[in-house]
Amino acid sequence: MKNLLRRVLQSAYNAVSHGSYNERLLEENVWHHVFRESFRTTQWKSELALSIGRWAGGASFFYILHRVLEDVKPEKVVELGLGESSKLISSYASNEDWLKSHIILEHSKTWIAAFCDRFQLSENSEIRRHDLFGKTQNCGFTDSLRYRDIEIDIWQHATLVVVDGPFGSESYSRMNSFDFIRQLLPESRFVLILDDSHRVGEKETLTEIRNLLSAQKITYHEKEYGGMKSCTIVCSHHFPWLASL
């Protein structure tokens, strides 16, 4: 009964707050156009093949990620989940000298091997494999799925954190992002991008992120960007324009 109620509430939210299927499809098409026109400005970008949508991030996600990389020029990026966004970030690391460190957290040996067979990462990109623990269903704040044993120094000096892994949980999804937030200071310069923020589990995670930032007296800006899926950006007061892209 609990799972059924949760599915009903999620469907209701999608229908009312996230728009109808046709509305979301139209918005997704617009984001594809905006991303293409904004991104294909140099040869290496024109040659980069990205598969956008489905399990990967949507067009709004890739537009926001591209704009953050261009505008913020982070020296260190931490990415949760290996995939299409890894290609984009790693390509920046190969072609722009300001991106010094790109750390990717991933749990699947099989997926790591398959990905590396098809795409050569930058020498500044590093995959760190971490096992998963917890669960995706009937979970709560203490037991939702997350990466195990992440060293605290991973987050240090990271300006951009991209959260698209591990698999979503029905409650408090992708809780490893809390570890990044907890080590921030009021003067920290940071951007966090959370994919799939239209889902209940990710919304609960965003609520807790807001609570942590407020408790730490950190001023921040936040914006959700839609399409077939939504992504949300949370950033420090240094980057207010990122909430109006």
C-alpha atoms as a PDB file:
ATOM      1  CA  MET A   1       0.000   0.000   0.000  1.00  0.00           C
ATOM      2  CA  LYS A   2       2.826   2.402   0.845  1.00  0.00           C
ATOM      3  CA  ASN A   3       4.510   1.815  -2.524  1.00  0.00           C
ATOM      4  CA  LEU A   4       1.221   2.220  -4.376  1.00  0.00           C
ATOM      5  CA  LEU A   5       0.521   5.512  -2.615  1.00  0.00           C
ATOM      6  CA  ARG A   6       3.991   6.724  -3.457  1.00  0.00           C
ATOM      7  CA  ARG A   7       3.516   5.905  -7.158  1.00  0.00           C
ATOM      8  CA  VAL A   8       0.159   7.700  -7.172  1.00  0.00           C
ATOM      9  CA  LEU A   9       1.681  10.790  -5.573  1.00  0.00           C
ATOM     10  CA  GLN A  10       4.579  10.761  -8.050  1.00  0.00           C
ATOM     11  CA  SER A  11       2.158  10.484 -10.989  1.00  0.00           C
ATOM     12  CA  ALA A  12       0.083  13.338  -9.586  1.00  0.00           C
ATOM     13  CA  TYR A  13       3.155  15.506  -9.225  1.00  0.00           C
ATOM     14  CA  ASN A  14       4.261  14.767 -12.784  1.00  0.00           C
ATOM     15  CA  ALA A  15       0.819  15.642 -14.123  1.00  0.00           C
ATOM     16  CA  VAL A  16       0.378  18.900 -12.191  1.00  0.00           C
ATOM     17  CA  SER A  17       3.867  20.318 -11.565  1.00  0.00           C
ATOM     18  CA  HIS A  18       5.916  18.756 -14.325  1.00  0.00           C
ATOM     19  CA  GLY A  19       3.413  19.321 -17.114  1.00  0.00           C
ATOM     20  CA  SER A  20       1.719  16.939 -19.531  1.00  0.00           C
ATOM     21  CA  TYR A  21       3.731  14.578 -21.722  1.00  0.00           C
ATOM     22  CA  ASN A  22       3.271  16.792 -24.794  1.00  0.00           C
ATOM     23  CA  GLU A  23       4.273  19.920 -22.860  1.00  0.00           C
ATOM     24  CA  ARG A  24       7.420  18.241 -21.521  1.00  0.00           C
ATOM     25  CA  LEU A  25       8.258  16.868 -24.982  1.00  0.00           C
ATOM     26  CA  LEU A  26       7.956  20.351 -26.500  1.00  0.00           C
ATOM     27  CA  GLU A  27      10.145  21.818 -23.755  1.00  0.00           C
ATOM     28  CA  GLU A  28      12.716  19.044 -24.303  1.00  0.00           C
ATOM     29  CA  ASN A  29      12.869  19.862 -28.026  1.00  0.00           C
ATOM     30  CA  VAL A  30      13.470  23.523 -27.230  1.00  0.00           C
ATOM     31  CA  TRP A  31      16.287  22.596 -24.833  1.00  0.00           C
ATOM     32  CA  HIS A  32      17.894  20.425 -27.533  1.00  0.00           C
ATOM     33  CA  HIS A  33      17.940  23.413 -29.873  1.00  0.00           C
ATOM     34  CA  VAL A  34      19.287  25.763 -27.184  1.00  0.00           C
ATOM     35  CA  PHE A  35      22.035  23.302 -26.255  1.00  0.00           C
ATOM     36  CA  ARG A  36      23.127  22.697 -29.858  1.00  0.00           C
ATOM     37  CA  GLU A  37      23.244  26.396 -30.702  1.00  0.00           C
ATOM     38  CA  SER A  38      25.153  27.219 -27.537  1.00  0.00           C
ATOM     39  CA  PHE A  39      27.577  24.288 -27.560  1.00  0.00           C
ATOM     40  CA  ARG A  40      28.793  23.667 -31.121  1.00  0.00           C
ATOM     41  CA  THR A  41      31.220  26.582 -31.175  1.00  0.00           C
ATOM     42  CA  THR A  42      34.619  24.876 -31.608  1.00  0.00           C
ATOM     43  CA  GLN A  43      35.888  21.886 -33.566  1.00  0.00           C
ATOM     44  CA  TRP A  44      36.309  19.559 -30.596  1.00  0.00           C
ATOM     45  CA  LYS A  45      32.753  20.298 -29.466  1.00  0.00           C
ATOM     46  CA  SER A  46      31.381  19.686 -32.965  1.00  0.00           C
ATOM     47  CA  GLU A  47      33.152  16.315 -33.051  1.00  0.00           C
ATOM     48  CA  LEU A  48      31.937  15.174 -29.604  1.00  0.00           C
ATOM     49  CA  ALA A  49      29.175  12.552 -29.900  1.00  0.00           C
ATOM     50  CA  LEU A  50      26.702  12.623 -26.989  1.00  0.00           C
ATOM     51  CA  SER A  51      23.631  10.423 -26.482  1.00  0.00           C
ATOM     52  CA  ILE A  52      21.221  12.708 -24.654  1.00  0.00           C
ATOM     53  CA  GLY A  53      18.079  11.515 -22.863  1.00  0.00           C
ATOM     54  CA  ARG A  54      16.710   8.170 -21.679  1.00  0.00           C
ATOM     55  CA  TRP A  55      19.015   6.977 -18.851  1.00  0.00           C
ATOM     56  CA  ALA A  56      21.436   9.819 -19.565  1.00  0.00           C
ATOM     57  CA  GLY A  57      20.711  13.411 -18.649  1.00  0.00           C
ATOM     58  CA  GLY A  58      18.245  15.360 -20.733  1.00  0.00           C
ATOM     59  CA  ALA A  59      18.929  18.354 -22.959  1.00  0.00           C
ATOM     60  CA  SER A  60      18.381  20.883 -20.170  1.00  0.00           C
ATOM     61  CA  PHE A  61      20.870  19.000 -17.982  1.00  0.00           C
ATOM     62  CA  PHE A  62      23.558  19.105 -20.674  1.00  0.00           C
ATOM     63  CA  TYR A  63      22.896  22.766 -21.436  1.00  0.00           C
ATOM     64  CA  ILE A  64      23.215  23.682 -17.748  1.00  0.00           C
ATOM     65  CA  LEU A  65      26.339  21.536 -17.334  1.00  0.00           C
ATOM     66  CA  HIS A  66      27.936  23.116 -20.411  1.00  0.00           C
ATOM     67  CA  ARG A  67      27.100  26.645 -19.209  1.00  0.00           C
ATOM     68  CA  VAL A  68      28.492  25.980 -15.732  1.00  0.00           C
ATOM     69  CA  LEU A  69      31.736  24.645 -17.193  1.00  0.00           C
ATOM     70  CA  GLU A  70      32.031  27.650 -19.522  1.00  0.00           C
ATOM     71  CA  ASP A  71      31.058  30.310 -16.965  1.00  0.00           C
ATOM     72  CA  VAL A  72      32.576  28.974 -13.729  1.00  0.00           C
ATOM     73  CA  LYS A  73      35.657  27.229 -15.171  1.00  0.00           C
ATOM     74  CA  PRO A  74      36.042  24.856 -12.207  1.00  0.00           C
ATOM     75  CA  GLU A  75      39.512  23.502 -11.509  1.00  0.00           C
ATOM     76  CA  LYS A  76      38.079  20.377  -9.874  1.00  0.00           C
ATOM     77  CA  VAL A  77      34.887  18.476 -10.736  1.00  0.00           C
ATOM     78  CA  VAL A  78      33.475  15.498  -8.841  1.00  0.00           C
ATOM     79  CA  GLU A  79      30.912  13.428 -10.704  1.00  0.00           C
ATOM     80  CA  LEU A  80      28.666  10.756  -9.207  1.00  0.00           C
ATOM     81  CA  GLY A  81      27.890   8.229 -11.917  1.00  0.00           C
ATOM     82  CA  LEU A  82      29.841   7.385 -15.095  1.00  0.00           C
ATOM     83  CA  GLY A  83      28.095   8.191 -18.362  1.00  0.00           C
ATOM     84  CA  GLU A  84      27.455  10.722 -21.112  1.00  0.00           C
ATOM     85  CA  SER A  85      28.155  13.673 -18.820  1.00  0.00           C
ATOM     86  CA  SER A  86      31.567  12.122 -18.114  1.00  0.00           C
ATOM     87  CA  LYS A  87      32.344  12.451 -21.830  1.00  0.00           C
ATOM     88  CA  LEU A  88      31.460  16.121 -21.799  1.00  0.00           C
ATOM     89  CA  ILE A  89      33.403  16.980 -18.643  1.00  0.00           C
ATOM     90  CA  SER A  90      36.408  14.890 -19.671  1.00  0.00           C
ATOM     91  CA  SER A  91      36.470  16.563 -23.099  1.00  0.00           C
ATOM     92  CA  TYR A  92      36.692  19.920 -21.354  1.00  0.00           C
ATOM     93  CA  ALA A  93      39.560  18.511 -19.264  1.00  0.00           C
ATOM     94  CA  SER A  94      41.327  17.517 -22.496  1.00  0.00           C
ATOM     95  CA  ASN A  95      40.832  20.830 -24.244  1.00  0.00           C
ATOM     96  CA  GLU A  96      40.773  23.505 -21.523  1.00  0.00           C
ATOM     97  CA  ASP A  97      43.737  24.030 -19.218  1.00  0.00           C
ATOM     98  CA  TRP A  98      41.650  25.351 -16.303  1.00  0.00           C
ATOM     99  CA  LEU A  99      40.064  21.942 -15.550  1.00  0.00           C
ATOM    100  CA  LYS A 100      42.812  20.173 -13.592  1.00  0.00           C
ATOM    101  CA  SER A 101      40.939  17.338 -11.867  1.00  0.00           C
ATOM    102  CA  HIS A 102      37.844  15.310 -12.793  1.00  0.00           C
ATOM    103  CA  ILE A 103      36.955  12.494 -10.393  1.00  0.00           C
ATOM    104  CA  ILE A 104      34.178  10.055 -11.347  1.00  0.00           C
ATOM    105  CA  LEU A 105      32.572   7.715  -8.816  1.00  0.00           C
ATOM    106  CA  GLU A 106      31.064   4.515 -10.242  1.00  0.00           C
ATOM    107  CA  HIS A 107      30.178   1.107  -8.792  1.00  0.00           C
ATOM    108  CA  SER A 108      29.978  -1.215 -11.824  1.00  0.00           C
ATOM    109  CA  LYS A 109      33.169  -2.882 -13.090  1.00  0.00           C
ATOM    110  CA  THR A 110      31.300  -4.058 -16.178  1.00  0.00           C
ATOM    111  CA  TRP A 111      30.083  -0.574 -17.072  1.00  0.00           C
ATOM    112  CA  ILE A 112      33.512   0.958 -16.445  1.00  0.00           C
ATOM    113  CA  ALA A 113      35.104  -1.553 -18.840  1.00  0.00           C
ATOM    114  CA  ALA A 114      32.416  -1.043 -21.502  1.00  0.00           C
ATOM    115  CA  PHE A 115      32.657   2.747 -21.257  1.00  0.00           C
ATOM    116  CA  CYS A 116      36.462   2.795 -21.463  1.00  0.00           C
ATOM    117  CA  ASP A 117      36.347   0.527 -24.539  1.00  0.00           C
ATOM    118  CA  ARG A 118      34.331   3.189 -26.365  1.00  0.00           C
ATOM    119  CA  PHE A 119      35.702   6.459 -25.007  1.00  0.00           C
ATOM    120  CA  GLN A 120      39.170   7.593 -23.974  1.00  0.00           C
ATOM    121  CA  LEU A 121      39.051   9.806 -20.920  1.00  0.00           C
ATOM    122  CA  SER A 122      41.356  12.756 -20.404  1.00  0.00           C
ATOM    123  CA  GLU A 123      44.512  12.178 -18.391  1.00  0.00           C
ATOM    124  CA  ASN A 124      42.960  14.612 -15.880  1.00  0.00           C
ATOM    125  CA  SER A 125      39.914  12.346 -15.483  1.00  0.00           C
ATOM    126  CA  GLU A 126      39.964   9.497 -12.978  1.00  0.00           C
ATOM    127  CA  ILE A 127      37.379   6.784 -12.284  1.00  0.00           C
ATOM    128  CA  ARG A 128      37.194   5.604  -8.693  1.00  0.00           C
ATOM    129  CA  ARG A 129      35.102   2.495  -8.159  1.00  0.00           C
ATOM    130  CA  HIS A 130      33.053   2.314  -4.972  1.00  0.00           C
ATOM    131  CA  ASP A 131      30.667  -0.457  -3.982  1.00  0.00           C
ATOM    132  CA  LEU A 132      27.041   0.368  -3.264  1.00  0.00           C
ATOM    133  CA  PHE A 133      25.162  -0.202  -0.036  1.00  0.00           C
ATOM    134  CA  GLY A 134      21.594   0.440   1.020  1.00  0.00           C
ATOM    135  CA  LYS A 135      18.480  -0.098  -1.100  1.00  0.00           C
ATOM    136  CA  THR A 136      16.258   1.653  -3.613  1.00  0.00           C
ATOM    137  CA  GLN A 137      12.819   0.693  -2.268  1.00  0.00           C
ATOM    138  CA  ASN A 138      11.270   0.825   1.193  1.00  0.00           C
ATOM    139  CA  CYS A 139      14.221   2.980   2.203  1.00  0.00           C
ATOM    140  CA  GLY A 140      14.602   6.083   4.315  1.00  0.00           C
ATOM    141  CA  PHE A 141      17.147   8.607   5.450  1.00  0.00           C
ATOM    142  CA  THR A 142      19.451   5.994   6.979  1.00  0.00           C
ATOM    143  CA  ASP A 143      19.334   3.237   4.364  1.00  0.00           C
ATOM    144  CA  SER A 144      18.844   4.597   0.846  1.00  0.00           C
ATOM    145  CA  LEU A 145      21.278   3.514  -1.865  1.00  0.00           C
ATOM    146  CA  ARG A 146      24.669   5.254  -1.918  1.00  0.00           C
ATOM    147  CA  TYR A 147      28.362   4.775  -2.659  1.00  0.00           C
ATOM    148  CA  ARG A 148      30.378   3.194   0.151  1.00  0.00           C
ATOM    149  CA  ASP A 149      33.584   4.520   1.773  1.00  0.00           C
ATOM    150  CA  ILE A 150      34.112   7.771  -0.101  1.00  0.00           C
ATOM    151  CA  GLU A 151      37.160   9.591   1.218  1.00  0.00           C
ATOM    152  CA  ILE A 152      36.388  13.053   2.562  1.00  0.00           C
ATOM    153  CA  ASP A 153      39.261  14.586   0.595  1.00  0.00           C
ATOM    154  CA  ILE A 154      37.415  13.824  -2.652  1.00  0.00           C
ATOM    155  CA  TRP A 155      35.177  16.824  -1.966  1.00  0.00           C
ATOM    156  CA  GLN A 156      37.900  19.241  -0.936  1.00  0.00           C
ATOM    157  CA  HIS A 157      38.533  22.057  -3.425  1.00  0.00           C
ATOM    158  CA  ALA A 158      35.750  20.786  -5.720  1.00  0.00           C
ATOM    159  CA  THR A 159      33.878  23.707  -7.258  1.00  0.00           C
ATOM    160  CA  LEU A 160      31.429  21.606  -9.295  1.00  0.00           C
ATOM    161  CA  VAL A 161      29.691  18.401  -8.196  1.00  0.00           C
ATOM    162  CA  VAL A 162      27.468  16.592 -10.719  1.00  0.00           C
ATOM    163  CA  VAL A 163      25.053  14.077  -9.187  1.00  0.00           C
ATOM    164  CA  ASP A 164      23.640  11.471 -11.588  1.00  0.00           C
ATOM    165  CA  GLY A 165      24.393   8.301  -9.638  1.00  0.00           C
ATOM    166  CA  PRO A 166      23.949   5.826  -8.183  1.00  0.00           C
ATOM    167  CA  PHE A 167      20.517   4.509  -9.174  1.00  0.00           C
ATOM    168  CA  GLY A 168      17.652   6.559  -7.762  1.00  0.00           C
ATOM    169  CA  SER A 169      16.063   5.579  -4.448  1.00  0.00           C
ATOM    170  CA  GLU A 170      12.425   6.171  -3.637  1.00  0.00           C
ATOM    171  CA  SER A 171      13.483   8.185  -0.554  1.00  0.00           C
ATOM    172  CA  TYR A 172      16.479  10.499  -0.052  1.00  0.00           C
ATOM    173  CA  SER A 173      18.013   9.506  -3.345  1.00  0.00           C
ATOM    174  CA  ARG A 174      21.750  10.064  -3.984  1.00  0.00           C
ATOM    175  CA  MET A 175      22.611  10.976  -0.414  1.00  0.00           C
ATOM    176  CA  ASN A 176      26.372  11.114  -1.034  1.00  0.00           C
ATOM    177  CA  SER A 177      25.766  14.722  -2.037  1.00  0.00           C
ATOM    178  CA  PHE A 178      25.267  15.524   1.663  1.00  0.00           C
ATOM    179  CA  ASP A 179      28.956  14.814   2.305  1.00  0.00           C
ATOM    180  CA  PHE A 180      29.898  17.549  -0.152  1.00  0.00           C
ATOM    181  CA  ILE A 181      27.482  20.051   1.380  1.00  0.00           C
ATOM    182  CA  ARG A 182      28.634  19.369   4.955  1.00  0.00           C
ATOM    183  CA  GLN A 183      32.236  20.395   4.235  1.00  0.00           C
ATOM    184  CA  LEU A 184      31.297  23.753   2.681  1.00  0.00           C
ATOM    185  CA  LEU A 185      31.898  27.092   4.400  1.00  0.00           C
ATOM    186  CA  PRO A 186      29.947  30.365   4.007  1.00  0.00           C
ATOM    187  CA  GLU A 187      32.665  31.700   1.685  1.00  0.00           C
ATOM    188  CA  SER A 188      32.926  28.515  -0.430  1.00  0.00           C
ATOM    189  CA  ARG A 189      32.428  28.823  -4.182  1.00  0.00           C
ATOM    190  CA  PHE A 190      30.373  25.843  -5.349  1.00  0.00           C
ATOM    191  CA  VAL A 191      27.866  24.502  -7.854  1.00  0.00           C
ATOM    192  CA  LEU A 192      25.890  21.280  -7.446  1.00  0.00           C
ATOM    193  CA  ILE A 193      23.799  19.863 -10.307  1.00  0.00           C
ATOM    194  CA  LEU A 194      21.298  17.154  -9.351  1.00  0.00           C
ATOM    195  CA  ASP A 195      19.711  15.219 -12.210  1.00  0.00           C
ATOM    196  CA  ASP A 196      16.206  13.658 -12.070  1.00  0.00           C
ATOM    197  CA  SER A 197      15.057  16.274  -9.576  1.00  0.00           C
ATOM    198  CA  HIS A 198      11.421  15.779 -10.600  1.00  0.00           C
ATOM    199  CA  ARG A 199      11.369  12.489  -8.633  1.00  0.00           C
ATOM    200  CA  VAL A 200      10.246  12.200  -5.031  1.00  0.00           C
ATOM    201  CA  GLY A 201      13.516  10.743  -3.718  1.00  0.00           C
ATOM    202  CA  GLU A 202      15.614  13.499  -5.260  1.00  0.00           C
ATOM    203  CA  LYS A 203      13.190  16.148  -3.995  1.00  0.00           C
ATOM    204  CA  GLU A 204      13.663  14.837  -0.461  1.00  0.00           C
ATOM    205  CA  THR A 205      17.424  15.040  -0.952  1.00  0.00           C
ATOM    206  CA  LEU A 206      17.102  18.643  -2.143  1.00  0.00           C
ATOM    207  CA  THR A 207      15.063  19.517   0.936  1.00  0.00           C
ATOM    208  CA  GLU A 208      17.811  18.159   3.179  1.00  0.00           C
ATOM    209  CA  ILE A 209      20.466  20.022   1.148  1.00  0.00           C
ATOM    210  CA  ARG A 210      18.564  23.270   1.782  1.00  0.00           C
ATOM    211  CA  ASN A 211      18.381  22.451   5.490  1.00  0.00           C
ATOM    212  CA  LEU A 212      22.127  21.777   5.653  1.00  0.00           C
ATOM    213  CA  LEU A 213      23.018  24.972   3.802  1.00  0.00           C
ATOM    214  CA  SER A 214      20.772  27.043   6.061  1.00  0.00           C
ATOM    215  CA  ALA A 215      22.192  25.426   9.202  1.00  0.00           C
ATOM    216  CA  GLN A 216      25.699  26.249   7.967  1.00  0.00           C
ATOM    217  CA  LYS A 217      24.622  29.852   7.232  1.00  0.00           C
ATOM    218  CA  ILE A 218      25.520  29.500   3.568  1.00  0.00           C
ATOM    219  CA  THR A 219      23.757  31.813   1.126  1.00  0.00           C
ATOM    220  CA  TYR A 220      22.766  29.973  -2.055  1.00  0.00           C
ATOM    221  CA  HIS A 221      20.700  30.141  -5.232  1.00  0.00           C
ATOM    222  CA  GLU A 222      18.568  27.325  -6.647  1.00  0.00           C
ATOM    223  CA  LYS A 223      16.753  26.680  -9.916  1.00  0.00           C
ATOM    224  CA  GLU A 224      14.981  23.683 -11.463  1.00  0.00           C
ATOM    225  CA  TYR A 225      15.203  23.270 -15.245  1.00  0.00           C
ATOM    226  CA  GLY A 226      12.660  21.040 -16.975  1.00  0.00           C
ATOM    227  CA  GLY A 227      12.047  18.994 -20.102  1.00  0.00           C
ATOM    228  CA  MET A 228      11.250  15.287 -20.225  1.00  0.00           C
ATOM    229  CA  LYS A 229      13.207  15.121 -16.968  1.00  0.00           C
ATOM    230  CA  SER A 230      14.210  17.872 -14.578  1.00  0.00           C
ATOM    231  CA  CYS A 231      17.566  18.842 -13.150  1.00  0.00           C
ATOM    232  CA  THR A 232      18.221  21.316 -10.357  1.00  0.00           C
ATOM    233  CA  ILE A 233      21.202  23.571  -9.808  1.00  0.00           C
ATOM    234  CA  VAL A 234      22.220  24.752  -6.324  1.00  0.00           C
ATOM    235  CA  CYS A 235      25.066  27.265  -6.231  1.00  0.00           C
ATOM    236  CA  SER A 236      26.807  29.702  -3.926  1.00  0.00           C
ATOM    237  CA  HIS A 237      26.060  33.422  -3.936  1.00  0.00           C
ATOM    238  CA  HIS A 238      29.037  33.963  -6.260  1.00  0.00           C
ATOM    239  CA  PHE A 239      27.075  32.639  -9.274  1.00  0.00           C
ATOM    240  CA  PRO A 240      23.524  34.104  -9.128  1.00  0.00           C
ATOM    241  CA  TRP A 241      23.102  34.083 -12.937  1.00  0.00           C
ATOM    242  CA  LEU A 242      23.181  30.281 -12.974  1.00  0.00           C
ATOM    243  CA  ALA A 243      19.624  30.373 -11.569  1.00  0.00           C
ATOM    244  CA  SER A 244      18.377  32.263 -14.634  1.00  0.00           C
ATOM    245  CA  LEU A 245      19.917  30.467 -17.622  1.00  0.00           C
END
